Amino acid sequence: MQDIRRIHELNDVATSSWTEEELHYHQRVMSDLSPWLNAQGTAMLGQIIHEIEERG
């Protein structure tokens, strides 16, 4: 399994550069935490979901 970078390491990296594993891992974690996400976290989750959908 490839190493998954932590979310703070990915803050300045476009989601298009994230690996499939990183996208799915952080989408799952952030979705679980969604009731407690601030506006920035909600926006990031939206970008992750959009990138997953774009990749098919």
PDB file of N, CA and C in Angstrom:
ATOM      1  N   MET A   1       0.844  -1.198   0.000  1.00  0.00           N
ATOM      2  CA  MET A   1       0.000   0.000   0.000  1.00  0.00           C
ATOM      3  C   MET A   1       0.874   1.241   0.000  1.00  0.00           C
ATOM      4  N   GLN A   2       0.513   2.181  -0.820  1.00  0.00           N
ATOM      5  CA  GLN A   2       1.254   3.427  -0.931  1.00  0.00           C
ATOM      6  C   GLN A   2       1.017   4.276   0.315  1.00  0.00           C
ATOM      7  N   ASP A   3       2.033   5.070   0.700  1.00  0.00           N
ATOM      8  CA  ASP A   3       1.873   5.963   1.843  1.00  0.00           C
ATOM      9  C   ASP A   3       0.844   7.030   1.536  1.00  0.00           C
ATOM     10  N   ILE A   4      -0.033   7.270   2.490  1.00  0.00           N
ATOM     11  CA  ILE A   4      -1.052   8.307   2.347  1.00  0.00           C
ATOM     12  C   ILE A   4      -0.575   9.518   3.131  1.00  0.00           C
ATOM     13  N   ARG A   5      -0.450  10.642   2.426  1.00  0.00           N
ATOM     14  CA  ARG A   5      -0.013  11.870   3.091  1.00  0.00           C
ATOM     15  C   ARG A   5      -1.139  12.398   3.980  1.00  0.00           C
ATOM     16  N   ARG A   6      -0.748  13.029   5.058  1.00  0.00           N
ATOM     17  CA  ARG A   6      -1.720  13.638   5.967  1.00  0.00           C
ATOM     18  C   ARG A   6      -2.348  14.858   5.315  1.00  0.00           C
ATOM     19  N   ILE A   7      -3.522  15.207   5.776  1.00  0.00           N
ATOM     20  CA  ILE A   7      -4.277  16.296   5.156  1.00  0.00           C
ATOM     21  C   ILE A   7      -3.498  17.610   5.199  1.00  0.00           C
ATOM     22  N   HIS A   8      -2.754  17.878   6.274  1.00  0.00           N
ATOM     23  CA  HIS A   8      -2.001  19.132   6.334  1.00  0.00           C
ATOM     24  C   HIS A   8      -0.863  19.161   5.317  1.00  0.00           C
ATOM     25  N   GLU A   9      -0.391  17.995   4.892  1.00  0.00           N
ATOM     26  CA  GLU A   9       0.631  17.930   3.848  1.00  0.00           C
ATOM     27  C   GLU A   9       0.024  18.184   2.475  1.00  0.00           C
ATOM     28  N   LEU A  10      -1.276  18.003   2.336  1.00  0.00           N
ATOM     29  CA  LEU A  10      -1.964  18.129   1.058  1.00  0.00           C
ATOM     30  C   LEU A  10      -2.657  19.479   0.874  1.00  0.00           C
ATOM     31  N   ASN A  11      -2.635  20.309   1.915  1.00  0.00           N
ATOM     32  CA  ASN A  11      -3.353  21.591   1.850  1.00  0.00           C
ATOM     33  C   ASN A  11      -2.973  22.433   0.641  1.00  0.00           C
ATOM     34  N   ASP A  12      -1.693  22.446   0.279  1.00  0.00           N
ATOM     35  CA  ASP A  12      -1.232  23.289  -0.820  1.00  0.00           C
ATOM     36  C   ASP A  12      -1.025  22.507  -2.116  1.00  0.00           C
ATOM     37  N   VAL A  13      -1.577  21.284  -2.170  1.00  0.00           N
ATOM     38  CA  VAL A  13      -1.450  20.434  -3.352  1.00  0.00           C
ATOM     39  C   VAL A  13      -2.834  20.308  -3.989  1.00  0.00           C
ATOM     40  N   ALA A  14      -2.918  20.558  -5.285  1.00  0.00           N
ATOM     41  CA  ALA A  14      -4.200  20.437  -5.989  1.00  0.00           C
ATOM     42  C   ALA A  14      -4.722  19.006  -5.869  1.00  0.00           C
ATOM     43  N   THR A  15      -6.029  18.858  -5.691  1.00  0.00           N
ATOM     44  CA  THR A  15      -6.597  17.512  -5.550  1.00  0.00           C
ATOM     45  C   THR A  15      -6.332  16.661  -6.785  1.00  0.00           C
ATOM     46  N   SER A  16      -6.106  17.292  -7.930  1.00  0.00           N
ATOM     47  CA  SER A  16      -5.791  16.531  -9.140  1.00  0.00           C
ATOM     48  C   SER A  16      -4.447  15.813  -9.030  1.00  0.00           C
ATOM     49  N   SER A  17      -3.615  16.228  -8.073  1.00  0.00           N
ATOM     50  CA  SER A  17      -2.314  15.601  -7.855  1.00  0.00           C
ATOM     51  C   SER A  17      -2.341  14.546  -6.749  1.00  0.00           C
ATOM     52  N   TRP A  18      -3.469  14.407  -6.079  1.00  0.00           N
ATOM     53  CA  TRP A  18      -3.589  13.418  -5.013  1.00  0.00           C
ATOM     54  C   TRP A  18      -3.708  12.029  -5.629  1.00  0.00           C
ATOM     55  N   THR A  19      -3.265  11.016  -4.899  1.00  0.00           N
ATOM     56  CA  THR A  19      -3.446   9.644  -5.363  1.00  0.00           C
ATOM     57  C   THR A  19      -4.897   9.227  -5.116  1.00  0.00           C
ATOM     58  N   GLU A  20      -5.309   8.167  -5.798  1.00  0.00           N
ATOM     59  CA  GLU A  20      -6.657   7.619  -5.580  1.00  0.00           C
ATOM     60  C   GLU A  20      -6.836   7.245  -4.105  1.00  0.00           C
ATOM     61  N   GLU A  21      -5.820   6.627  -3.529  1.00  0.00           N
ATOM     62  CA  GLU A  21      -5.913   6.213  -2.123  1.00  0.00           C
ATOM     63  C   GLU A  21      -6.100   7.413  -1.212  1.00  0.00           C
ATOM     64  N   GLU A  22      -5.352   8.501  -1.482  1.00  0.00           N
ATOM     65  CA  GLU A  22      -5.484   9.706  -0.656  1.00  0.00           C
ATOM     66  C   GLU A  22      -6.881  10.295  -0.781  1.00  0.00           C
ATOM     67  N   LEU A  23      -7.394  10.377  -1.998  1.00  0.00           N
ATOM     68  CA  LEU A  23      -8.734  10.925  -2.195  1.00  0.00           C
ATOM     69  C   LEU A  23      -9.777  10.131  -1.421  1.00  0.00           C
ATOM     70  N   HIS A  24      -9.764   8.818  -1.576  1.00  0.00           N
ATOM     71  CA  HIS A  24     -10.781   7.990  -0.937  1.00  0.00           C
ATOM     72  C   HIS A  24     -10.619   7.955   0.578  1.00  0.00           C
ATOM     73  N   TYR A  25      -9.391   7.917   1.055  1.00  0.00           N
ATOM     74  CA  TYR A  25      -9.163   7.905   2.501  1.00  0.00           C
ATOM     75  C   TYR A  25      -9.670   9.203   3.136  1.00  0.00           C
ATOM     76  N   HIS A  26      -9.245  10.346   2.590  1.00  0.00           N
ATOM     77  CA  HIS A  26      -9.630  11.622   3.195  1.00  0.00           C
ATOM     78  C   HIS A  26     -11.112  11.918   2.992  1.00  0.00           C
ATOM     79  N   GLN A  27     -11.696  11.450   1.901  1.00  0.00           N
ATOM     80  CA  GLN A  27     -13.141  11.610   1.716  1.00  0.00           C
ATOM     81  C   GLN A  27     -13.893  10.850   2.788  1.00  0.00           C
ATOM     82  N   ARG A  28     -13.461   9.636   3.070  1.00  0.00           N
ATOM     83  CA  ARG A  28     -14.125   8.818   4.089  1.00  0.00           C
ATOM     84  C   ARG A  28     -13.994   9.461   5.481  1.00  0.00           C
ATOM     85  N   VAL A  29     -12.782   9.879   5.821  1.00  0.00           N
ATOM     86  CA  VAL A  29     -12.552  10.477   7.141  1.00  0.00           C
ATOM     87  C   VAL A  29     -13.325  11.782   7.286  1.00  0.00           C
ATOM     88  N   MET A  30     -13.229  12.649   6.266  1.00  0.00           N
ATOM     89  CA  MET A  30     -13.892  13.948   6.361  1.00  0.00           C
ATOM     90  C   MET A  30     -15.409  13.802   6.342  1.00  0.00           C
ATOM     91  N   SER A  31     -15.928  12.826   5.627  1.00  0.00           N
ATOM     92  CA  SER A  31     -17.375  12.590   5.633  1.00  0.00           C
ATOM     93  C   SER A  31     -17.844  12.177   7.021  1.00  0.00           C
ATOM     94  N   ASP A  32     -17.039  11.336   7.685  1.00  0.00           N
ATOM     95  CA  ASP A  32     -17.380  10.932   9.056  1.00  0.00           C
ATOM     96  C   ASP A  32     -17.380  12.130  10.001  1.00  0.00           C
ATOM     97  N   LEU A  33     -16.507  13.093   9.740  1.00  0.00           N
ATOM     98  CA  LEU A  33     -16.377  14.270  10.609  1.00  0.00           C
ATOM     99  C   LEU A  33     -17.204  15.459  10.131  1.00  0.00           C
ATOM    100  N   SER A  34     -17.967  15.290   9.063  1.00  0.00           N
ATOM    101  CA  SER A  34     -18.654  16.414   8.428  1.00  0.00           C
ATOM    102  C   SER A  34     -19.515  17.275   9.361  1.00  0.00           C
ATOM    103  N   PRO A  35     -20.157  16.694  10.381  1.00  0.00           N
ATOM    104  CA  PRO A  35     -20.942  17.579  11.260  1.00  0.00           C
ATOM    105  C   PRO A  35     -20.086  18.609  12.006  1.00  0.00           C
ATOM    106  N   TRP A  36     -18.792  18.369  12.104  1.00  0.00           N
ATOM    107  CA  TRP A  36     -17.913  19.241  12.861  1.00  0.00           C
ATOM    108  C   TRP A  36     -16.958  20.040  11.982  1.00  0.00           C
ATOM    109  N   LEU A  37     -17.042  19.903  10.660  1.00  0.00           N
ATOM    110  CA  LEU A  37     -16.158  20.639   9.768  1.00  0.00           C
ATOM    111  C   LEU A  37     -16.543  22.108   9.707  1.00  0.00           C
ATOM    112  N   ASN A  38     -15.531  22.970   9.638  1.00  0.00           N
ATOM    113  CA  ASN A  38     -15.802  24.386   9.417  1.00  0.00           C
ATOM    114  C   ASN A  38     -15.971  24.617   7.912  1.00  0.00           C
ATOM    115  N   ALA A  39     -16.131  25.858   7.507  1.00  0.00           N
ATOM    116  CA  ALA A  39     -16.371  26.166   6.090  1.00  0.00           C
ATOM    117  C   ALA A  39     -15.214  25.706   5.210  1.00  0.00           C
ATOM    118  N   GLN A  40     -13.983  25.868   5.689  1.00  0.00           N
ATOM    119  CA  GLN A  40     -12.817  25.447   4.910  1.00  0.00           C
ATOM    120  C   GLN A  40     -12.809  23.928   4.736  1.00  0.00           C
ATOM    121  N   GLY A  41     -13.116  23.191   5.794  1.00  0.00           N
ATOM    122  CA  GLY A  41     -13.162  21.740   5.709  1.00  0.00           C
ATOM    123  C   GLY A  41     -14.274  21.254   4.788  1.00  0.00           C
ATOM    124  N   THR A  42     -15.424  21.907   4.852  1.00  0.00           N
ATOM    125  CA  THR A  42     -16.538  21.552   3.980  1.00  0.00           C
ATOM    126  C   THR A  42     -16.182  21.811   2.521  1.00  0.00           C
ATOM    127  N   ALA A  43     -15.495  22.925   2.261  1.00  0.00           N
ATOM    128  CA  ALA A  43     -15.075  23.234   0.895  1.00  0.00           C
ATOM    129  C   ALA A  43     -14.065  22.208   0.394  1.00  0.00           C
ATOM    130  N   MET A  44     -13.130  21.807   1.251  1.00  0.00           N
ATOM    131  CA  MET A  44     -12.132  20.814   0.864  1.00  0.00           C
ATOM    132  C   MET A  44     -12.795  19.476   0.571  1.00  0.00           C
ATOM    133  N   LEU A  45     -13.745  19.080   1.396  1.00  0.00           N
ATOM    134  CA  LEU A  45     -14.472  17.836   1.154  1.00  0.00           C
ATOM    135  C   LEU A  45     -15.187  17.896  -0.193  1.00  0.00           C
ATOM    136  N   GLY A  46     -15.776  19.030  -0.509  1.00  0.00           N
ATOM    137  CA  GLY A  46     -16.431  19.199  -1.805  1.00  0.00           C
ATOM    138  C   GLY A  46     -15.452  19.047  -2.959  1.00  0.00           C
ATOM    139  N   GLN A  47     -14.250  19.591  -2.810  1.00  0.00           N
ATOM    140  CA  GLN A  47     -13.225  19.455  -3.854  1.00  0.00           C
ATOM    141  C   GLN A  47     -12.806  18.005  -4.017  1.00  0.00           C
ATOM    142  N   ILE A  48     -12.676  17.294  -2.908  1.00  0.00           N
ATOM    143  CA  ILE A  48     -12.289  15.886  -2.952  1.00  0.00           C
ATOM    144  C   ILE A  48     -13.350  15.065  -3.672  1.00  0.00           C
ATOM    145  N   ILE A  49     -14.606  15.292  -3.313  1.00  0.00           N
ATOM    146  CA  ILE A  49     -15.702  14.556  -3.946  1.00  0.00           C
ATOM    147  C   ILE A  49     -15.747  14.878  -5.439  1.00  0.00           C
ATOM    148  N   HIS A  50     -15.576  16.140  -5.793  1.00  0.00           N
ATOM    149  CA  HIS A  50     -15.564  16.532  -7.200  1.00  0.00           C
ATOM    150  C   HIS A  50     -14.441  15.811  -7.957  1.00  0.00           C
ATOM    151  N   GLU A  51     -13.258  15.744  -7.371  1.00  0.00           N
ATOM    152  CA  GLU A  51     -12.125  15.081  -8.027  1.00  0.00           C
ATOM    153  C   GLU A  51     -12.390  13.590  -8.197  1.00  0.00           C
ATOM    154  N   ILE A  52     -12.970  12.955  -7.191  1.00  0.00           N
ATOM    155  CA  ILE A  52     -13.307  11.526  -7.305  1.00  0.00           C
ATOM    156  C   ILE A  52     -14.290  11.314  -8.443  1.00  0.00           C
ATOM    157  N   GLU A  53     -15.305  12.175  -8.533  1.00  0.00           N
ATOM    158  CA  GLU A  53     -16.299  12.070  -9.606  1.00  0.00           C
ATOM    159  C   GLU A  53     -15.666  12.310 -10.981  1.00  0.00           C
ATOM    160  N   GLU A  54     -14.747  13.262 -11.072  1.00  0.00           N
ATOM    161  CA  GLU A  54     -14.074  13.569 -12.333  1.00  0.00           C
ATOM    162  C   GLU A  54     -13.256  12.367 -12.831  1.00  0.00           C
ATOM    163  N   ARG A  55     -12.652  11.662 -11.908  1.00  0.00           N
ATOM    164  CA  ARG A  55     -11.814  10.514 -12.277  1.00  0.00           C
ATOM    165  C   ARG A  55     -12.644   9.294 -12.631  1.00  0.00           C
ATOM    166  N   GLY A  56     -13.896   9.315 -12.215  1.00  0.00           N
ATOM    167  CA  GLY A  56     -14.797   8.215 -12.540  1.00  0.00           C
ATOM    168  C   GLY A  56     -14.643   7.143 -11.605  1.00  0.00           C
TER     169      GLY A  56
END
